[in-house]
Amino acid sequence: MTQYLVFGHKNPDTDTIASAIAFAYYLNQKGHQAEAVALGTPNEETAFALDYFKAQAPRVIESAAGTGAHVALVDHNEASQSIDDLA
């Protein structure tokens, strides 16, 4: 079973967090072990949406290195928007 960390860009807005949650859910349904994480604290709008839908905010990470997990990127396409140790 492959383990994944799923995250968006460094300024997590609603579509970044929702995309990470949705793709992690999909990967889990396909038999992988996936966790939605964030690269920063969600903004106020996102916190409101999570609260409204009774969803827990993903944990915030600062590094993906050393976790042994693959990464799945959502809602961004530039390395500068992603986690610093992406390589």
C-alpha atoms as a PDB file:
ATOM      1  CA  MET A   1       0.000   0.000   0.000  1.00  0.00           C
ATOM      2  CA  THR A   2       1.386   3.399  -0.985  1.00  0.00           C
ATOM      3  CA  GLN A   3       1.282   6.222   1.543  1.00  0.00           C
ATOM      4  CA  TYR A   4       0.585   9.761   0.316  1.00  0.00           C
ATOM      5  CA  LEU A   5       0.607  13.271   1.726  1.00  0.00           C
ATOM      6  CA  VAL A   6      -1.834  15.369  -0.308  1.00  0.00           C
ATOM      7  CA  PHE A   7      -1.455  19.141  -0.238  1.00  0.00           C
ATOM      8  CA  GLY A   8      -1.923  22.360  -2.166  1.00  0.00           C
ATOM      9  CA  HIS A   9      -0.008  25.634  -2.166  1.00  0.00           C
ATOM     10  CA  LYS A  10       1.527  27.563   0.739  1.00  0.00           C
ATOM     11  CA  ASN A  11      -1.442  29.922   1.192  1.00  0.00           C
ATOM     12  CA  PRO A  12      -4.210  27.391   1.786  1.00  0.00           C
ATOM     13  CA  ASP A  13      -7.533  28.798   0.682  1.00  0.00           C
ATOM     14  CA  THR A  14     -10.830  26.952   0.402  1.00  0.00           C
ATOM     15  CA  ASP A  15     -10.173  25.305  -2.959  1.00  0.00           C
ATOM     16  CA  THR A  16      -6.709  24.157  -1.869  1.00  0.00           C
ATOM     17  CA  ILE A  17      -7.981  22.529   1.320  1.00  0.00           C
ATOM     18  CA  ALA A  18     -11.088  21.057  -0.329  1.00  0.00           C
ATOM     19  CA  SER A  19      -8.996  19.650  -3.180  1.00  0.00           C
ATOM     20  CA  ALA A  20      -6.546  18.024  -0.776  1.00  0.00           C
ATOM     21  CA  ILE A  21      -9.377  16.497   1.277  1.00  0.00           C
ATOM     22  CA  ALA A  22     -11.178  15.237  -1.830  1.00  0.00           C
ATOM     23  CA  PHE A  23      -8.094  13.714  -3.464  1.00  0.00           C
ATOM     24  CA  ALA A  24      -6.968  12.076  -0.212  1.00  0.00           C
ATOM     25  CA  TYR A  25     -10.450  10.569   0.073  1.00  0.00           C
ATOM     26  CA  TYR A  26     -10.213   9.269  -3.506  1.00  0.00           C
ATOM     27  CA  LEU A  27      -6.789   7.725  -2.908  1.00  0.00           C
ATOM     28  CA  ASN A  28      -8.037   6.051   0.267  1.00  0.00           C
ATOM     29  CA  GLN A  29     -10.998   4.623  -1.653  1.00  0.00           C
ATOM     30  CA  LYS A  30      -8.528   3.205  -4.190  1.00  0.00           C
ATOM     31  CA  GLY A  31      -6.688   1.326  -1.424  1.00  0.00           C
ATOM     32  CA  HIS A  32      -3.851   3.729  -0.694  1.00  0.00           C
ATOM     33  CA  GLN A  33      -3.095   5.340   2.635  1.00  0.00           C
ATOM     34  CA  ALA A  34      -3.510   9.083   2.083  1.00  0.00           C
ATOM     35  CA  GLU A  35      -3.707  12.103   4.360  1.00  0.00           C
ATOM     36  CA  ALA A  36      -4.723  15.621   3.414  1.00  0.00           C
ATOM     37  CA  VAL A  37      -2.305  18.109   4.949  1.00  0.00           C
ATOM     38  CA  ALA A  38      -1.820  21.870   4.656  1.00  0.00           C
ATOM     39  CA  LEU A  39       1.246  24.030   4.112  1.00  0.00           C
ATOM     40  CA  GLY A  40      -0.073  26.768   6.368  1.00  0.00           C
ATOM     41  CA  THR A  41      -3.001  27.737   8.535  1.00  0.00           C
ATOM     42  CA  PRO A  42      -6.245  27.925   6.554  1.00  0.00           C
ATOM     43  CA  ASN A  43      -7.640  31.440   6.078  1.00  0.00           C
ATOM     44  CA  GLU A  44     -10.862  32.674   7.743  1.00  0.00           C
ATOM     45  CA  GLU A  45     -13.118  31.745   4.808  1.00  0.00           C
ATOM     46  CA  THR A  46     -11.739  28.215   4.784  1.00  0.00           C
ATOM     47  CA  ALA A  47     -12.070  27.894   8.554  1.00  0.00           C
ATOM     48  CA  PHE A  48     -15.715  28.963   8.225  1.00  0.00           C
ATOM     49  CA  ALA A  49     -16.373  26.383   5.483  1.00  0.00           C
ATOM     50  CA  LEU A  50     -14.709  23.595   7.466  1.00  0.00           C
ATOM     51  CA  ASP A  51     -16.728  24.524  10.542  1.00  0.00           C
ATOM     52  CA  TYR A  52     -19.961  24.765   8.536  1.00  0.00           C
ATOM     53  CA  PHE A  53     -19.482  21.278   7.093  1.00  0.00           C
ATOM     54  CA  LYS A  54     -18.195  19.887  10.414  1.00  0.00           C
ATOM     55  CA  ALA A  55     -14.888  18.904   8.796  1.00  0.00           C
ATOM     56  CA  GLN A  56     -11.586  18.894  10.603  1.00  0.00           C
ATOM     57  CA  ALA A  57      -8.826  21.118   9.228  1.00  0.00           C
ATOM     58  CA  PRO A  58      -5.863  19.156   7.880  1.00  0.00           C
ATOM     59  CA  ARG A  59      -2.739  19.221  10.024  1.00  0.00           C
ATOM     60  CA  VAL A  60      -0.098  21.738   8.981  1.00  0.00           C
ATOM     61  CA  ILE A  61       3.278  20.414   7.847  1.00  0.00           C
ATOM     62  CA  GLU A  62       6.526  22.217   7.155  1.00  0.00           C
ATOM     63  CA  SER A  63       8.455  19.309   5.671  1.00  0.00           C
ATOM     64  CA  ALA A  64       7.677  16.206   3.655  1.00  0.00           C
ATOM     65  CA  ALA A  65      11.220  14.822   3.687  1.00  0.00           C
ATOM     66  CA  GLY A  66      11.860  11.803   5.832  1.00  0.00           C
ATOM     67  CA  THR A  67       8.212  10.756   6.023  1.00  0.00           C
ATOM     68  CA  GLY A  68       8.595   7.936   3.529  1.00  0.00           C
ATOM     69  CA  ALA A  69       5.386   9.123   1.875  1.00  0.00           C
ATOM     70  CA  HIS A  70       4.797  10.038  -1.725  1.00  0.00           C
ATOM     71  CA  VAL A  71       3.311  13.470  -2.314  1.00  0.00           C
ATOM     72  CA  ALA A  72       0.222  14.300  -4.332  1.00  0.00           C
ATOM     73  CA  LEU A  73      -0.038  17.947  -5.332  1.00  0.00           C
ATOM     74  CA  VAL A  74      -3.317  19.776  -5.885  1.00  0.00           C
ATOM     75  CA  ASP A  75      -4.230  23.359  -6.837  1.00  0.00           C
ATOM     76  CA  HIS A  76      -0.764  24.530  -7.886  1.00  0.00           C
ATOM     77  CA  ASN A  77       1.819  23.931 -10.590  1.00  0.00           C
ATOM     78  CA  GLU A  78       4.896  25.959  -9.612  1.00  0.00           C
ATOM     79  CA  ALA A  79       7.607  24.631  -7.313  1.00  0.00           C
ATOM     80  CA  SER A  80       7.818  28.033  -5.582  1.00  0.00           C
ATOM     81  CA  GLN A  81       4.202  27.602  -4.406  1.00  0.00           C
ATOM     82  CA  SER A  82       4.894  24.183  -2.898  1.00  0.00           C
ATOM     83  CA  ILE A  83       6.673  22.804   0.126  1.00  0.00           C
ATOM     84  CA  ASP A  84      10.325  23.835   0.295  1.00  0.00           C
ATOM     85  CA  ASP A  85      11.742  20.289   0.389  1.00  0.00           C
ATOM     86  CA  LEU A  86       9.597  18.963  -2.480  1.00  0.00           C
ATOM     87  CA  ALA A  87      12.596  17.542  -4.348  1.00  0.00           C
END
